[in-house]
Protein backbone atom coordinates (compact mmCIF):
# COMPACT_ATOMS: atom_id res chain seq x y z
CA MET A 1 55.10 -27.45 -59.32
CA SER A 2 56.61 -29.09 -62.30
CA LYS A 3 58.23 -32.13 -61.79
CA PHE A 4 62.03 -32.48 -63.56
CA THR A 5 62.73 -35.86 -65.82
CA LYS A 6 65.06 -37.61 -66.88
CA GLU A 7 64.86 -35.77 -70.57
CA LEU A 8 64.34 -32.43 -68.93
CA ILE A 9 68.14 -32.93 -66.95
CA ASP A 10 69.03 -34.38 -70.73
CA ASP A 11 68.24 -31.12 -71.87
CA TYR A 12 68.81 -29.11 -69.40
CA ALA A 13 72.59 -30.27 -69.58
CA ASN A 14 72.93 -30.12 -72.85
CA LYS A 15 72.19 -26.03 -72.94
CA LEU A 16 75.14 -26.36 -70.55
CA LEU A 17 77.48 -27.81 -72.92
CA ILE A 18 77.95 -30.20 -70.04
CA GLY A 19 76.50 -33.73 -70.86
CA LEU A 20 75.49 -36.27 -67.94
CA THR A 21 76.14 -39.79 -67.55
CA GLU A 22 72.90 -42.56 -66.77
CA GLU A 23 74.33 -42.20 -63.17
CA GLU A 24 74.99 -39.09 -63.14
CA ASN A 25 71.38 -37.70 -64.55
CA LYS A 26 70.18 -40.35 -62.18
CA THR A 27 71.76 -38.77 -58.51
CA VAL A 28 70.72 -35.39 -60.00
CA LEU A 29 67.38 -36.55 -60.27
CA ASP A 30 67.66 -37.86 -57.08
CA GLU A 31 68.61 -34.86 -55.14
CA PHE A 32 65.72 -33.31 -56.86
CA GLU A 33 63.54 -35.44 -55.46
CA VAL A 34 64.83 -34.38 -52.52
CA ILE A 35 64.32 -30.92 -53.06
CA GLU A 36 60.95 -31.28 -53.85
CA ALA A 37 60.00 -32.74 -51.18
CA ASN A 38 61.65 -30.45 -48.00
CA MET A 39 59.63 -27.92 -50.83
CA GLU A 40 56.77 -29.44 -49.97
CA LEU A 41 57.33 -29.82 -46.33
CA ILE A 42 58.01 -25.88 -45.96
CA ASN A 43 54.86 -25.31 -48.04
CA LYS A 44 52.74 -26.71 -45.68
CA ILE A 45 53.91 -24.66 -42.89
CA GLU A 46 50.36 -22.97 -40.45
CA GLY A 47 50.63 -18.79 -42.18
CA ILE A 48 54.04 -19.59 -44.96
CA SER A 49 52.46 -18.11 -47.64
CA GLU A 50 51.51 -14.71 -45.09
CA VAL A 51 55.43 -13.92 -43.97
CA GLU A 52 57.70 -11.57 -46.19
CA PRO A 53 61.29 -13.06 -48.14
CA MET A 54 64.06 -11.78 -47.03
CA HIS A 55 66.21 -10.56 -49.53
CA PHE A 56 68.97 -10.09 -46.79
CA PRO A 57 68.53 -11.72 -43.28
CA TYR A 58 70.70 -10.41 -40.46
CA ILE A 59 70.08 -6.74 -38.99
CA LYS A 60 70.43 -4.20 -40.89
CA ASP A 61 71.46 -2.64 -38.13
CA PRO A 62 74.55 -3.88 -36.89
CA ILE A 63 75.79 -3.32 -33.48
CA ILE A 64 79.22 -2.39 -33.11
CA ARG A 65 81.85 -1.80 -30.09
CA ASN A 66 81.31 1.50 -28.68
CA GLY A 67 85.39 1.05 -28.24
CA ASP A 68 85.91 0.53 -24.52
CA VAL A 69 89.72 -0.68 -24.20
CA CYS A 70 89.47 -4.31 -22.06
CA GLU A 71 92.57 -5.96 -20.72
CA ASN A 72 93.33 -9.47 -22.15
CA GLU A 73 94.53 -12.39 -20.49
CA ASN A 74 97.60 -12.70 -19.27
CA ILE A 75 98.96 -15.22 -22.55
CA GLU A 76 101.47 -16.73 -20.03
CA ASP A 77 98.51 -18.01 -17.68
CA LEU A 78 96.92 -18.95 -20.56
CA LEU A 79 99.76 -21.34 -22.08
CA LYS A 80 100.10 -23.30 -19.13
CA ASN A 81 95.95 -24.40 -19.91
CA SER A 82 98.03 -26.26 -23.01
CA ASP A 83 99.97 -29.69 -22.93
CA LYS A 84 102.20 -28.51 -26.12
CA VAL A 85 103.85 -25.45 -25.74
CA SER A 86 106.17 -23.69 -28.37
CA ASP A 87 107.43 -20.45 -28.04
CA ARG A 88 103.65 -18.91 -27.08
CA GLU A 89 101.91 -20.39 -29.52
CA ILE A 90 99.67 -23.63 -29.29
CA GLU A 91 100.84 -27.10 -31.08
CA VAL A 92 97.79 -29.26 -32.16
CA PRO A 93 98.23 -32.61 -33.94
CA LYS A 94 98.15 -31.74 -37.22
CA VAL A 95 94.42 -32.88 -38.77
CA VAL A 96 95.10 -32.82 -42.62
CA ASP A 97 97.76 -34.94 -44.71
């Protein structure tokens, strides 16, 4: 595996026309050190080379509901569980300014 260097990062940044400061270059190098260390750990897993890569990591045949109608809970009963209710809606604290 090729190691990333300051010169290599600068070369890629120039090719992408983004230019990096010394601090940004160091940040990128630090990130790649972490990535490379994790890749080395993964490569040490016994039998990893025999595992077939997955291009689509989800179940190919998803389980689809059969369309059976189910009973909903009584909304009024559910709203009783909340301290603050306004017009059949639960009031929650504001979390973003």
